[in-house]
Amino acid sequence: MKGKAWSLSGKAKEIYDCIRKKGTVSKQDLVDVSRITGSTVTRLLEELLSQELIREVGLGDSTGGRKPILYRINPLYAYAFGLEISRIHCRLVLCDLQMDKLESRSWNMTESMTPEVLTETVGREAEDMLEKLGLAWSSVLGLGIGSVGPVDRQRGIILEPLYFPAPGWRNVDIGTALSRRLGIPVWLDNGANTALLGEFWADSFQSYRHMLYLHAGVGIRSAMMSNGHLVYGAVDMEGAVGQMIIQTDGLPHREKQGNYGALESYASLYAMERNMRSALKQGRESTVRSRVSDPEEVKYPDLLQGLAERDPLTVELFTQAAVQFGIGLSNLLNILHPEKVILGGPLIAGNDLFFRVATQTAVRKTYYYPEYQVMFSRGKLGDDALAAGAAVMVLERLLEA
């Protein structure tokens, strides 16, 4: 392996993580939070300073004696790559230890983007990013991957994802392949989890500890955080929320094993395209018709253009889908009661109508409202959420080891 060595004791990791989470702290802050003795904290701070993992950043306010020395992590001690693998595109980011993005690249998932081609593409782009910034591989801690599920995160394997345009994406040991190509440690999780992790760390105050993330695109993906920690089930849960039944005798799922009346049959890119094609075949008027010669040619960007033009039919279809999505969201709120919900993905990004109708519908159908209040957001990281969260995961896994 050619990446950055990481050799800290358990207690040193604990103190480093406290500094990372708090931002700027004094020795007494660390004693209060960690409940480690003052003499031990002093020794651990000296260890972290000697390795240049942290640095002194001035003096704090006096409480009667000498002003305390303040500490922060050294963001340039090392770097981490984060990779998003989705059905539509891939995104690679390079972050410092403050998780600020230094460089990013993205490319489409085409019919030729097999696992082997992706591995080589990531390797080539990562090398180019480091060269551009004048960084060596010896300064890189590792690569985190946030991928379409289902995944086996323990073994680093993408299992059987649906709707990839290229062949060969069944039971892919992507962790081993990329570790060999890059020469650094690699960790894998599903993309919904890494997106939620990224959004959690993007909140500098981390004021919300119980959070729900929903990503609406080709399918619907979800992640949950409780008390600041991701919630994992017995199997990978990422895509299961799309199978939530909102109408028992409803539409058949596009896959034979799917549920009748499943949420993603009403609120997904596929559902939106299907509904517009059906409406055009029925002879309904729409500006979308002028952009296609055959209703079967309708794609989601055509609907976005129709929405921008305030085409009545397009607005109607988006509103219907948002109501159905809001019903599914209300079911999750009634079960999980998160403090904050982050909505992301192509169906929501830049779509004020969908976001507004979906959240209003969810609130109206949420039990305990108005006593129970929930914050809705489209997040701070935007398109970078999955990849940036994957970079955060690198440091998280090293601190847990």
Protein backbone atom coordinates (compact mmCIF):
# COMPACT_ATOMS: atom_id res chain seq x y z
CA MET A 1 0.00 0.00 0.00
CA LYS A 2 1.27 3.47 -0.89
CA GLY A 3 -1.22 5.57 1.10
CA LYS A 4 -0.76 7.54 4.31
CA ALA A 5 0.04 5.49 7.41
CA TRP A 6 -2.39 5.92 10.32
CA SER A 7 -0.94 4.84 13.66
CA LEU A 8 -2.78 6.19 16.68
CA SER A 9 -3.71 4.60 19.97
CA GLY A 10 -7.38 4.18 20.86
CA LYS A 11 -7.42 7.13 23.25
CA ALA A 12 -5.52 9.35 20.80
CA LYS A 13 -8.15 8.57 18.18
CA GLU A 14 -10.85 9.48 20.67
CA ILE A 15 -9.27 12.85 21.41
CA TYR A 16 -8.66 13.52 17.70
CA ASP A 17 -12.29 12.72 16.93
CA CYS A 18 -13.44 15.08 19.69
CA ILE A 19 -11.37 17.89 18.20
CA ARG A 20 -12.68 17.10 14.73
CA LYS A 21 -16.29 17.22 15.87
CA LYS A 22 -15.97 20.30 18.08
CA GLY A 23 -13.89 22.36 15.63
CA THR A 24 -11.84 24.49 18.03
CA VAL A 25 -11.32 23.24 21.58
CA SER A 26 -9.23 23.72 24.68
CA LYS A 27 -7.68 20.99 26.82
CA GLN A 28 -10.43 21.48 29.42
CA ASP A 29 -13.11 21.06 26.74
CA LEU A 30 -11.57 17.70 25.87
CA VAL A 31 -11.39 16.61 29.51
CA ASP A 32 -15.07 17.50 29.96
CA VAL A 33 -16.23 15.72 26.81
CA SER A 34 -14.01 12.63 26.92
CA ARG A 35 -13.84 12.13 30.71
CA ILE A 36 -10.16 11.28 30.29
CA THR A 37 -7.89 12.66 33.01
CA GLY A 38 -6.14 15.98 32.43
CA SER A 39 -2.66 14.45 32.52
CA THR A 40 -3.61 11.83 29.93
CA VAL A 41 -5.20 14.46 27.67
CA THR A 42 -1.99 16.51 27.89
CA ARG A 43 0.05 13.49 26.79
CA LEU A 44 -2.36 12.69 23.95
CA LEU A 45 -2.32 16.29 22.71
CA GLU A 46 1.48 16.17 22.63
CA GLU A 47 1.28 12.94 20.61
CA LEU A 48 -1.13 14.47 18.10
CA LEU A 49 0.94 17.66 17.85
CA SER A 50 4.16 15.74 17.28
CA GLN A 51 2.54 13.88 14.36
CA GLU A 52 1.13 17.19 13.03
CA LEU A 53 -2.41 15.80 13.15
CA ILE A 54 -3.53 18.86 15.10
CA ARG A 55 -2.22 22.38 15.55
CA GLU A 56 -2.43 25.21 18.05
CA VAL A 57 -4.61 28.06 16.78
CA GLY A 58 -4.39 30.70 19.52
CA LEU A 59 -5.69 31.33 23.00
CA GLY A 60 -9.19 31.13 24.39
CA ASP A 61 -10.94 33.34 26.92
CA SER A 62 -9.60 33.26 30.45
CA THR A 63 -11.82 31.94 33.25
CA GLY A 64 -9.61 33.42 35.95
CA GLY A 65 -6.17 31.97 35.22
CA ARG A 66 -4.02 31.78 32.13
CA LYS A 67 -5.76 31.82 28.79
CA PRO A 68 -6.13 28.25 27.47
CA ILE A 69 -4.44 27.07 24.27
CA LEU A 70 -6.92 26.21 21.54
CA TYR A 71 -6.54 23.28 19.16
CA ARG A 72 -7.91 22.31 15.75
CA ILE A 73 -7.20 19.42 13.43
CA ASN A 74 -4.63 19.99 10.70
CA PRO A 75 -6.72 19.62 7.51
CA LEU A 76 -3.64 19.24 5.32
CA TYR A 77 -2.16 16.31 7.26
CA ALA A 78 -3.74 13.90 4.77
CA TYR A 79 -6.44 13.58 2.12
CA ALA A 80 -9.26 11.21 1.20
CA PHE A 81 -10.95 10.29 -2.06
CA GLY A 82 -14.71 9.78 -2.27
CA LEU A 83 -16.40 8.01 -5.19
CA GLU A 84 -20.07 7.90 -6.13
CA ILE A 85 -21.22 5.03 -8.34
CA SER A 86 -24.78 5.52 -9.58
CA ARG A 87 -26.81 4.29 -12.52
CA ILE A 88 -26.55 7.63 -14.30
CA HIS A 89 -23.06 8.94 -13.51
CA CYS A 90 -19.97 8.59 -11.35
CA ARG A 91 -18.31 11.35 -9.36
CA LEU A 92 -14.85 11.37 -7.76
CA VAL A 93 -13.85 14.00 -5.20
CA LEU A 94 -10.67 14.66 -3.25
CA CYS A 95 -11.09 16.21 0.22
CA ASP A 96 -8.82 17.38 3.01
CA LEU A 97 -9.39 16.28 6.61
CA GLN A 98 -11.75 19.21 7.19
CA MET A 99 -13.72 17.51 4.41
CA ASP A 100 -13.43 20.53 2.15
CA LYS A 101 -13.55 19.53 -1.51
CA LEU A 102 -10.29 20.27 -3.34
CA GLU A 103 -11.00 18.72 -6.73
CA SER A 104 -13.73 16.70 -8.44
CA ARG A 105 -14.39 14.82 -11.67
CA SER A 106 -17.53 13.20 -13.04
CA TRP A 107 -18.48 11.07 -16.03
CA ASN A 108 -21.56 9.28 -17.34
CA MET A 109 -22.33 5.61 -16.81
CA THR A 110 -22.61 4.52 -20.43
CA GLU A 111 -23.10 1.11 -22.00
CA SER A 112 -19.31 0.74 -22.14
CA MET A 113 -18.70 1.58 -18.45
CA THR A 114 -18.06 -1.95 -17.20
CA PRO A 115 -16.42 -2.52 -13.79
CA GLU A 116 -13.04 -2.89 -15.48
CA VAL A 117 -13.41 0.36 -17.43
CA LEU A 118 -14.64 2.18 -14.32
CA THR A 119 -11.68 0.94 -12.28
CA GLU A 120 -9.21 2.23 -14.84
CA THR A 121 -11.10 5.52 -15.21
CA VAL A 122 -11.03 6.14 -11.46
CA GLY A 123 -7.32 5.34 -11.34
CA ARG A 124 -6.50 7.67 -14.19
CA GLU A 125 -8.62 10.53 -12.82
CA ALA A 126 -7.25 10.14 -9.28
CA GLU A 127 -3.67 10.27 -10.55
CA ASP A 128 -4.45 13.39 -12.57
CA MET A 129 -6.10 15.12 -9.59
CA LEU A 130 -3.11 14.49 -7.32
CA GLU A 131 -0.68 15.66 -9.99
CA LYS A 132 -2.69 18.83 -10.57
CA LEU A 133 -2.59 19.67 -6.84
CA GLY A 134 1.03 18.63 -6.38
CA LEU A 135 0.14 15.87 -3.89
CA ALA A 136 1.72 12.45 -3.49
CA TRP A 137 -0.06 9.14 -2.98
CA SER A 138 1.72 8.93 0.38
CA SER A 139 -0.58 11.72 1.63
CA VAL A 140 -3.81 9.84 0.82
CA LEU A 141 -5.60 7.90 3.57
CA GLY A 142 -7.88 5.92 1.30
CA LEU A 143 -10.93 5.84 -0.95
CA GLY A 144 -14.54 5.63 0.16
CA ILE A 145 -17.24 4.43 -2.24
CA GLY A 146 -20.94 5.25 -2.08
CA SER A 147 -22.68 2.96 -4.55
CA VAL A 148 -26.09 1.96 -5.77
CA GLY A 149 -27.12 -1.06 -3.72
CA PRO A 150 -27.49 -3.68 -2.71
CA VAL A 151 -23.93 -3.91 -1.42
CA ASP A 152 -21.98 -6.07 0.97
CA ARG A 153 -20.09 -3.33 2.77
CA GLN A 154 -18.06 -5.74 4.88
CA ARG A 155 -16.53 -7.47 1.85
CA GLY A 156 -16.60 -4.43 -0.47
CA ILE A 157 -18.87 -6.09 -3.04
CA ILE A 158 -21.60 -4.54 -5.20
CA LEU A 159 -24.16 -7.36 -5.31
CA GLU A 160 -26.96 -7.21 -7.90
CA PRO A 161 -27.84 -3.60 -8.81
CA LEU A 162 -30.63 -3.01 -11.30
CA TYR A 163 -30.67 -0.84 -14.42
CA PHE A 164 -26.94 -0.34 -14.95
CA PRO A 165 -26.45 0.49 -18.65
CA ALA A 166 -23.26 -1.61 -18.92
CA PRO A 167 -23.01 -5.37 -18.39
CA GLY A 168 -20.93 -7.14 -15.74
CA TRP A 169 -22.16 -5.37 -12.59
CA ARG A 170 -23.29 -8.45 -10.69
CA ASN A 171 -21.29 -9.46 -7.59
CA VAL A 172 -18.43 -7.07 -8.33
CA ASP A 173 -15.59 -6.95 -5.78
CA ILE A 174 -15.09 -3.26 -6.45
CA GLY A 175 -13.23 -2.71 -3.18
CA THR A 176 -10.44 -5.13 -4.07
CA ALA A 177 -10.27 -3.96 -7.69
CA LEU A 178 -9.84 -0.30 -6.78
CA SER A 179 -7.50 -0.99 -3.88
CA ARG A 180 -5.19 -2.88 -6.22
CA ARG A 181 -5.39 -0.19 -8.89
CA LEU A 182 -4.79 2.74 -6.52
CA GLY A 183 -2.64 1.08 -3.89
CA ILE A 184 -4.67 2.53 -0.99
CA PRO A 185 -7.32 1.15 1.40
CA VAL A 186 -10.89 1.19 0.06
CA TRP A 187 -14.22 1.09 1.91
CA LEU A 188 -17.70 0.59 0.45
CA ASP A 189 -21.20 1.54 1.61
CA ASN A 190 -24.45 2.26 -0.16
CA GLY A 191 -24.80 5.74 -1.57
CA ALA A 192 -27.75 6.78 0.59
CA ASN A 193 -25.68 6.15 3.71
CA THR A 194 -22.68 8.10 2.43
CA ALA A 195 -24.91 11.00 1.33
CA LEU A 196 -26.46 11.22 4.79
CA LEU A 197 -23.01 11.01 6.40
CA GLY A 198 -21.78 13.82 4.16
CA GLU A 199 -24.76 16.04 4.95
CA PHE A 200 -24.33 15.38 8.68
CA TRP A 201 -20.72 16.60 8.55
CA ALA A 202 -21.62 19.53 6.32
CA ASP A 203 -23.70 20.84 9.23
CA SER A 204 -20.93 22.54 11.18
CA PHE A 205 -23.05 22.67 14.33
CA GLN A 206 -24.39 19.11 13.93
CA SER A 207 -27.55 20.30 15.64
CA TYR A 208 -29.66 17.40 14.31
CA ARG A 209 -28.84 13.91 15.60
CA HIS A 210 -31.80 11.93 14.19
CA MET A 211 -31.92 12.29 10.42
CA LEU A 212 -33.59 10.64 7.44
CA TYR A 213 -32.30 10.82 3.86
CA LEU A 214 -34.36 10.00 0.76
CA HIS A 215 -32.96 9.98 -2.78
CA ALA A 216 -35.51 9.91 -5.60
CA GLY A 217 -34.23 9.05 -9.04
CA VAL A 218 -34.39 5.87 -11.10
CA GLY A 219 -35.53 4.28 -7.85
CA ILE A 220 -35.96 5.50 -4.28
CA ARG A 221 -33.13 5.05 -1.78
CA SER A 222 -33.03 5.82 1.92
CA ALA A 223 -30.74 6.06 4.94
CA MET A 224 -31.36 6.75 8.61
CA MET A 225 -29.16 8.20 11.34
CA SER A 226 -29.94 7.91 15.05
CA ASN A 227 -27.98 9.86 17.66
CA GLY A 228 -25.38 10.74 15.05
CA HIS A 229 -24.79 7.14 13.90
CA LEU A 230 -25.96 5.44 10.71
CA VAL A 231 -28.57 2.73 11.25
CA TYR A 232 -27.84 -0.63 9.62
CA GLY A 233 -30.15 -3.61 9.22
CA ALA A 234 -29.47 -7.32 8.79
CA VAL A 235 -29.16 -6.72 5.03
CA ASP A 236 -28.48 -3.63 2.95
CA MET A 237 -31.61 -1.47 3.24
CA GLU A 238 -30.84 1.22 0.66
CA GLY A 239 -33.42 0.41 -2.03
CA ALA A 240 -36.06 -1.23 0.15
CA VAL A 241 -38.01 1.98 0.76
CA GLY A 242 -39.00 2.06 -2.91
CA GLN A 243 -40.94 -1.18 -2.31
CA MET A 244 -43.13 0.46 0.36
CA ILE A 245 -46.74 -0.35 -0.56
CA ILE A 246 -48.93 2.75 -0.77
CA GLN A 247 -51.80 1.08 -2.66
CA THR A 248 -52.30 -2.68 -2.26
CA ASP A 249 -54.12 -3.15 -5.58
CA GLY A 250 -52.00 -0.55 -7.34
CA LEU A 251 -49.65 -0.52 -10.29
CA PRO A 252 -47.39 -3.50 -10.93
CA HIS A 253 -43.70 -2.88 -10.32
CA ARG A 254 -41.44 -2.76 -13.35
CA GLU A 255 -39.60 -5.81 -11.94
CA LYS A 256 -41.46 -9.12 -11.49
CA GLN A 257 -40.27 -9.48 -7.89
CA GLY A 258 -41.49 -6.00 -6.99
CA ASN A 259 -44.61 -5.18 -4.99
CA TYR A 260 -47.91 -4.05 -6.46
CA GLY A 261 -48.57 -0.44 -5.52
CA ALA A 262 -44.94 0.23 -4.56
CA LEU A 263 -43.90 3.83 -3.93
CA GLU A 264 -41.35 3.98 -6.74
CA SER A 265 -44.02 2.91 -9.25
CA TYR A 266 -45.60 6.34 -8.63
CA ALA A 267 -42.65 8.61 -7.77
CA SER A 268 -39.49 7.93 -9.79
CA LEU A 269 -37.97 8.99 -13.09
CA TYR A 270 -39.37 5.82 -14.68
CA ALA A 271 -42.87 6.55 -13.34
CA MET A 272 -42.78 10.14 -14.58
CA GLU A 273 -41.68 9.10 -18.07
CA ARG A 274 -44.32 6.33 -18.20
CA ASN A 275 -47.12 8.69 -17.17
CA MET A 276 -46.22 11.33 -19.73
CA ARG A 277 -45.96 8.75 -22.52
CA SER A 278 -49.38 7.41 -21.57
CA ALA A 279 -50.93 10.90 -21.50
CA LEU A 280 -49.51 11.81 -24.91
CA LYS A 281 -50.83 8.55 -26.40
CA GLN A 282 -54.24 9.51 -25.07
CA GLY A 283 -54.01 12.71 -27.09
CA ARG A 284 -53.52 15.15 -24.23
CA GLU A 285 -51.90 18.44 -25.14
CA SER A 286 -48.43 19.30 -23.86
CA THR A 287 -45.38 21.28 -24.94
CA VAL A 288 -43.46 18.04 -24.45
CA ARG A 289 -45.14 16.70 -27.59
CA SER A 290 -43.28 19.24 -29.74
CA ARG A 291 -39.91 17.84 -28.68
CA VAL A 292 -40.53 14.17 -29.55
CA SER A 293 -41.76 12.47 -32.70
CA ASP A 294 -43.06 9.47 -30.76
CA PRO A 295 -44.40 9.40 -27.17
CA GLU A 296 -42.10 6.44 -26.48
CA GLU A 297 -39.13 8.76 -26.95
CA VAL A 298 -40.03 10.91 -23.91
CA LYS A 299 -37.21 11.18 -21.36
CA TYR A 300 -37.03 12.89 -18.01
CA PRO A 301 -35.17 16.01 -19.31
CA ASP A 302 -38.19 16.60 -21.59
CA LEU A 303 -40.40 16.72 -18.51
CA LEU A 304 -38.07 19.14 -16.76
CA GLN A 305 -38.27 21.43 -19.76
CA GLY A 306 -42.05 21.18 -19.71
CA LEU A 307 -42.08 22.03 -16.03
CA ALA A 308 -39.88 25.09 -16.66
CA GLU A 309 -42.41 26.20 -19.28
CA ARG A 310 -45.27 25.69 -16.78
CA ASP A 311 -46.89 23.24 -19.18
CA PRO A 312 -50.21 22.30 -17.46
CA LEU A 313 -49.95 18.56 -18.14
CA THR A 314 -46.36 18.39 -16.88
CA VAL A 315 -47.25 20.36 -13.75
CA GLU A 316 -50.16 17.98 -13.15
CA LEU A 317 -47.97 14.88 -13.44
CA PHE A 318 -45.28 16.28 -11.14
CA THR A 319 -47.93 17.26 -8.59
CA GLN A 320 -49.48 13.78 -8.63
CA ALA A 321 -46.07 12.13 -8.17
CA ALA A 322 -45.18 14.53 -5.34
CA VAL A 323 -48.41 13.69 -3.48
CA GLN A 324 -47.66 9.97 -3.72
CA PHE A 325 -44.07 10.57 -2.59
CA GLY A 326 -45.39 12.64 0.33
CA ILE A 327 -47.64 9.75 1.40
CA GLY A 328 -44.64 7.43 1.50
CA LEU A 329 -42.63 10.06 3.36
CA SER A 330 -45.39 10.45 5.96
CA ASN A 331 -45.26 6.70 6.63
CA LEU A 332 -41.56 7.00 7.40
CA LEU A 333 -42.11 10.05 9.62
CA ASN A 334 -44.78 8.21 11.60
CA ILE A 335 -42.44 5.27 12.19
CA LEU A 336 -39.02 6.90 12.62
CA HIS A 337 -39.76 10.46 13.83
CA PRO A 338 -36.53 12.05 12.58
CA GLU A 339 -35.66 15.63 13.52
CA LYS A 340 -34.53 16.44 9.99
CA VAL A 341 -35.29 14.99 6.56
CA ILE A 342 -32.96 15.57 3.61
CA LEU A 343 -34.42 14.99 0.15
CA GLY A 344 -32.11 14.53 -2.80
CA GLY A 345 -31.83 12.99 -6.24
CA PRO A 346 -32.83 14.04 -9.78
CA LEU A 347 -36.57 14.10 -9.03
CA ILE A 348 -36.08 16.67 -6.28
CA ALA A 349 -32.98 18.68 -7.20
CA GLY A 350 -33.98 22.06 -8.58
CA ASN A 351 -37.68 21.11 -8.49
CA ASP A 352 -39.40 23.48 -6.10
CA LEU A 353 -42.89 22.21 -6.97
CA PHE A 354 -42.12 18.58 -6.14
CA PHE A 355 -40.33 19.45 -2.91
CA ARG A 356 -43.09 21.77 -1.72
CA VAL A 357 -46.02 19.45 -2.52
CA ALA A 358 -44.28 16.34 -1.15
CA THR A 359 -43.35 17.93 2.18
CA GLN A 360 -46.74 19.59 2.62
CA THR A 361 -48.47 16.26 1.97
CA ALA A 362 -46.18 14.48 4.43
CA VAL A 363 -46.82 17.00 7.20
CA ARG A 364 -50.61 16.82 6.76
CA LYS A 365 -50.49 13.05 7.21
CA THR A 366 -48.00 12.93 10.08
CA TYR A 367 -49.25 11.84 13.51
CA TYR A 368 -48.46 14.06 16.52
CA TYR A 369 -48.26 17.15 14.30
CA PRO A 370 -47.94 20.03 15.28
CA GLU A 371 -46.37 18.81 18.55
CA TYR A 372 -43.86 16.84 16.49
CA GLN A 373 -41.94 19.23 14.23
CA VAL A 374 -39.59 18.10 11.48
CA MET A 375 -37.11 20.10 9.41
CA PHE A 376 -37.10 19.46 5.65
CA SER A 377 -34.05 20.26 3.53
CA ARG A 378 -32.52 19.57 0.15
CA GLY A 379 -29.13 19.47 1.84
CA LYS A 380 -26.02 21.61 1.60
CA LEU A 381 -23.83 19.44 -0.61
CA GLY A 382 -26.07 19.07 -3.65
CA ASP A 383 -24.67 16.72 -6.31
CA ASP A 384 -21.52 16.14 -4.23
CA ALA A 385 -23.34 14.59 -1.26
CA LEU A 386 -22.72 10.91 -2.04
CA ALA A 387 -19.07 11.30 -3.04
CA ALA A 388 -18.21 13.76 -0.27
CA GLY A 389 -19.84 11.48 2.30
CA ALA A 390 -17.79 8.58 0.95
CA ALA A 391 -14.64 10.63 1.65
CA VAL A 392 -15.89 11.29 5.20
CA MET A 393 -16.35 7.53 5.60
CA VAL A 394 -12.60 6.97 5.11
CA LEU A 395 -11.77 8.93 8.25
CA GLU A 396 -14.72 7.44 10.13
CA ARG A 397 -13.54 3.89 9.43
CA LEU A 398 -9.93 4.68 10.41
CA LEU A 399 -11.06 6.19 13.70
CA GLU A 400 -13.23 3.15 14.42
CA ALA A 401 -10.44 0.64 13.71
